[in-house]
C-alpha atoms as a PDB file:
ATOM      1  CA  UNK A   1    -129.085 -85.799  21.731  1.00  0.00           C
ATOM      2  CA  UNK A   2    -132.445 -86.678  23.183  1.00  0.00           C
ATOM      3  CA  UNK A   3    -135.029 -84.608  25.023  1.00  0.00           C
ATOM      4  CA  UNK A   4    -137.369 -86.052  27.648  1.00  0.00           C
ATOM      5  CA  UNK A   5    -140.863 -84.704  27.009  1.00  0.00           C
ATOM      6  CA  UNK A   6    -142.922 -86.646  29.549  1.00  0.00           C
ATOM      7  CA  UNK A   7    -142.742 -89.481  32.017  1.00  0.00           C
ATOM      8  CA  UNK A   8    -144.577 -91.807  34.362  1.00  0.00           C
ATOM      9  CA  UNK A   9    -143.190 -93.681  37.354  1.00  0.00           C
ATOM     10  CA  UNK A  10    -144.453 -96.745  39.175  1.00  0.00           C
ATOM     11  CA  UNK A  11    -143.115 -98.694  42.134  1.00  0.00           C
ATOM     12  CA  UNK A  12    -142.503-102.332  41.210  1.00  0.00           C
ATOM     13  CA  UNK A  13    -144.081-104.551  43.834  1.00  0.00           C
ATOM     14  CA  UNK A  14    -142.042-107.407  45.267  1.00  0.00           C
ATOM     15  CA  UNK A  15    -144.634-109.695  46.878  1.00  0.00           C
ATOM     16  CA  UNK A  16    -142.050-112.308  47.847  1.00  0.00           C
ATOM     17  CA  UNK A  17    -139.528-109.907  49.381  1.00  0.00           C
ATOM     18  CA  UNK A  18    -136.703-111.218  47.207  1.00  0.00           C
ATOM     19  CA  UNK A  19    -135.323-107.865  46.045  1.00  0.00           C
ATOM     20  CA  UNK A  20    -133.417-105.459  48.267  1.00  0.00           C
ATOM     21  CA  UNK A  21    -134.386-101.810  48.234  1.00  0.00           C
ATOM     22  CA  UNK A  22    -137.066-100.418  45.956  1.00  0.00           C
ATOM     23  CA  UNK A  23    -137.401-100.867  42.190  1.00  0.00           C
ATOM     24  CA  UNK A  24    -139.167 -98.372  39.986  1.00  0.00           C
ATOM     25  CA  UNK A  25    -140.292 -98.531  36.385  1.00  0.00           C
ATOM     26  CA  UNK A  26    -140.107 -95.226  34.562  1.00  0.00           C
ATOM     27  CA  UNK A  27    -141.502 -94.660  31.099  1.00  0.00           C
ATOM     28  CA  UNK A  28    -139.802 -91.651  29.525  1.00  0.00           C
ATOM     29  CA  UNK A  29    -141.209 -90.108  26.356  1.00  0.00           C
ATOM     30  CA  UNK A  30    -138.284 -88.861  24.292  1.00  0.00           C
ATOM     31  CA  UNK A  31    -137.706 -86.782  21.191  1.00  0.00           C
ATOM     32  CA  UNK A  32    -134.643 -87.052  18.992  1.00  0.00           C
ATOM     33  CA  UNK A  33    -133.631 -84.971  15.992  1.00  0.00           C
ATOM     34  CA  UNK A  34    -134.696 -86.231  12.567  1.00  0.00           C
ATOM     35  CA  UNK A  35    -131.064 -86.608  11.525  1.00  0.00           C
ATOM     36  CA  UNK A  36    -130.312 -88.850  14.549  1.00  0.00           C
ATOM     37  CA  UNK A  37    -129.995 -92.558  13.695  1.00  0.00           C
ATOM     38  CA  UNK A  38    -132.371 -93.315  16.597  1.00  0.00           C
ATOM     39  CA  UNK A  39    -135.166 -91.180  15.090  1.00  0.00           C
ATOM     40  CA  UNK A  40    -138.515 -92.863  14.443  1.00  0.00           C
ATOM     41  CA  UNK A  41    -141.620 -91.287  12.925  1.00  0.00           C
ATOM     42  CA  UNK A  42    -143.629 -93.444  15.331  1.00  0.00           C
ATOM     43  CA  UNK A  43    -142.173 -91.644  18.351  1.00  0.00           C
ATOM     44  CA  UNK A  44    -140.093 -93.258  21.079  1.00  0.00           C
ATOM     45  CA  UNK A  45    -140.089 -93.961  24.775  1.00  0.00           C
ATOM     46  CA  UNK A  46    -137.504 -95.452  27.105  1.00  0.00           C
ATOM     47  CA  UNK A  47    -138.495 -98.000  29.747  1.00  0.00           C
ATOM     48  CA  UNK A  48    -136.108 -97.712  32.686  1.00  0.00           C
ATOM     49  CA  UNK A  49    -135.776 -99.960  35.732  1.00  0.00           C
ATOM     50  CA  UNK A  50    -134.229 -97.918  38.538  1.00  0.00           C
ATOM     51  CA  UNK A  51    -133.140 -99.259  41.939  1.00  0.00           C
ATOM     52  CA  UNK A  52    -132.964 -97.331  45.201  1.00  0.00           C
ATOM     53  CA  UNK A  53    -131.078 -99.027  48.047  1.00  0.00           C
ATOM     54  CA  UNK A  54    -129.352 -97.716  51.153  1.00  0.00           C
ATOM     55  CA  UNK A  55    -125.894 -98.067  49.629  1.00  0.00           C
ATOM     56  CA  UNK A  56    -126.614 -97.130  46.022  1.00  0.00           C
ATOM     57  CA  UNK A  57    -129.153 -96.043  43.453  1.00  0.00           C
ATOM     58  CA  UNK A  58    -129.146 -96.106  39.696  1.00  0.00           C
ATOM     59  CA  UNK A  59    -130.412 -97.565  36.466  1.00  0.00           C
ATOM     60  CA  UNK A  60    -130.429-101.331  36.303  1.00  0.00           C
ATOM     61  CA  UNK A  61    -131.819-101.689  32.794  1.00  0.00           C
ATOM     62  CA  UNK A  62    -133.307 -99.674  29.972  1.00  0.00           C
ATOM     63  CA  UNK A  63    -135.025-100.462  26.689  1.00  0.00           C
ATOM     64  CA  UNK A  64    -136.169 -98.227  23.857  1.00  0.00           C
ATOM     65  CA  UNK A  65    -139.585 -98.770  22.255  1.00  0.00           C
ATOM     66  CA  UNK A  66    -141.653 -97.166  19.524  1.00  0.00           C
ATOM     67  CA  UNK A  67    -144.736 -95.425  20.895  1.00  0.00           C
ATOM     68  CA  UNK A  68    -147.338 -96.384  18.313  1.00  0.00           C
ATOM     69  CA  UNK A  69    -146.676-100.112  18.097  1.00  0.00           C
ATOM     70  CA  UNK A  70    -144.599-100.782  21.251  1.00  0.00           C
ATOM     71  CA  UNK A  71    -141.866-102.459  19.165  1.00  0.00           C
ATOM     72  CA  UNK A  72    -138.481-102.844  20.843  1.00  0.00           C
ATOM     73  CA  UNK A  73    -135.721-100.774  19.215  1.00  0.00           C
ATOM     74  CA  UNK A  74    -132.368-102.564  19.360  1.00  0.00           C
ATOM     75  CA  UNK A  75    -130.192 -99.528  19.962  1.00  0.00           C
ATOM     76  CA  UNK A  76    -127.750 -98.529  22.704  1.00  0.00           C
ATOM     77  CA  UNK A  77    -127.786 -94.982  23.974  1.00  0.00           C
ATOM     78  CA  UNK A  78    -124.586 -92.961  24.115  1.00  0.00           C
ATOM     79  CA  UNK A  79    -122.949 -92.145  27.449  1.00  0.00           C
ATOM     80  CA  UNK A  80    -124.169 -88.530  27.456  1.00  0.00           C
ATOM     81  CA  UNK A  81    -127.742 -89.674  26.722  1.00  0.00           C
ATOM     82  CA  UNK A  82    -127.548 -92.242  29.533  1.00  0.00           C
ATOM     83  CA  UNK A  83    -126.310 -89.499  31.870  1.00  0.00           C
ATOM     84  CA  UNK A  84    -129.335 -87.340  30.990  1.00  0.00           C
ATOM     85  CA  UNK A  85    -131.711 -90.229  31.686  1.00  0.00           C
ATOM     86  CA  UNK A  86    -129.916 -91.174  34.923  1.00  0.00           C
ATOM     87  CA  UNK A  87    -130.072 -87.586  36.222  1.00  0.00           C
ATOM     88  CA  UNK A  88    -133.738 -87.255  35.226  1.00  0.00           C
ATOM     89  CA  UNK A  89    -134.689 -90.483  37.013  1.00  0.00           C
ATOM     90  CA  UNK A  90    -132.773 -89.570  40.154  1.00  0.00           C
ATOM     91  CA  UNK A  91    -134.327 -86.101  40.335  1.00  0.00           C
ATOM     92  CA  UNK A  92    -137.888 -87.259  39.725  1.00  0.00           C
ATOM     93  CA  UNK A  93    -137.704 -90.248  42.058  1.00  0.00           C
ATOM     94  CA  UNK A  94    -136.503 -87.993  44.865  1.00  0.00           C
ATOM     95  CA  UNK A  95    -139.615 -85.852  44.245  1.00  0.00           C
ATOM     96  CA  UNK A  96    -141.845 -88.950  44.261  1.00  0.00           C
ATOM     97  CA  UNK A  97    -140.448 -90.304  47.535  1.00  0.00           C
ATOM     98  CA  UNK A  98    -140.957 -87.018  49.451  1.00  0.00           C
END
């Protein structure tokens, strides 16, 4: 299981007006147990693209990276880990939009 230890959020600008709704980029610092196959001594973060539209909101894409060298980690998160990230993003974007 992962733990989110910090985050940043930024609105993705759409200068051409092509996208519907709003898109956000969230960078989530995460910790995982040393015995987890995802563990990295370099530390990890998850880059999430999250969409907010009138009819729906949710994660569009995510990618895991090592903190120290920004290398992409080719690994898929488990459903329970995705649920934690989804809930975190939803909660913190609601705070940001108020």
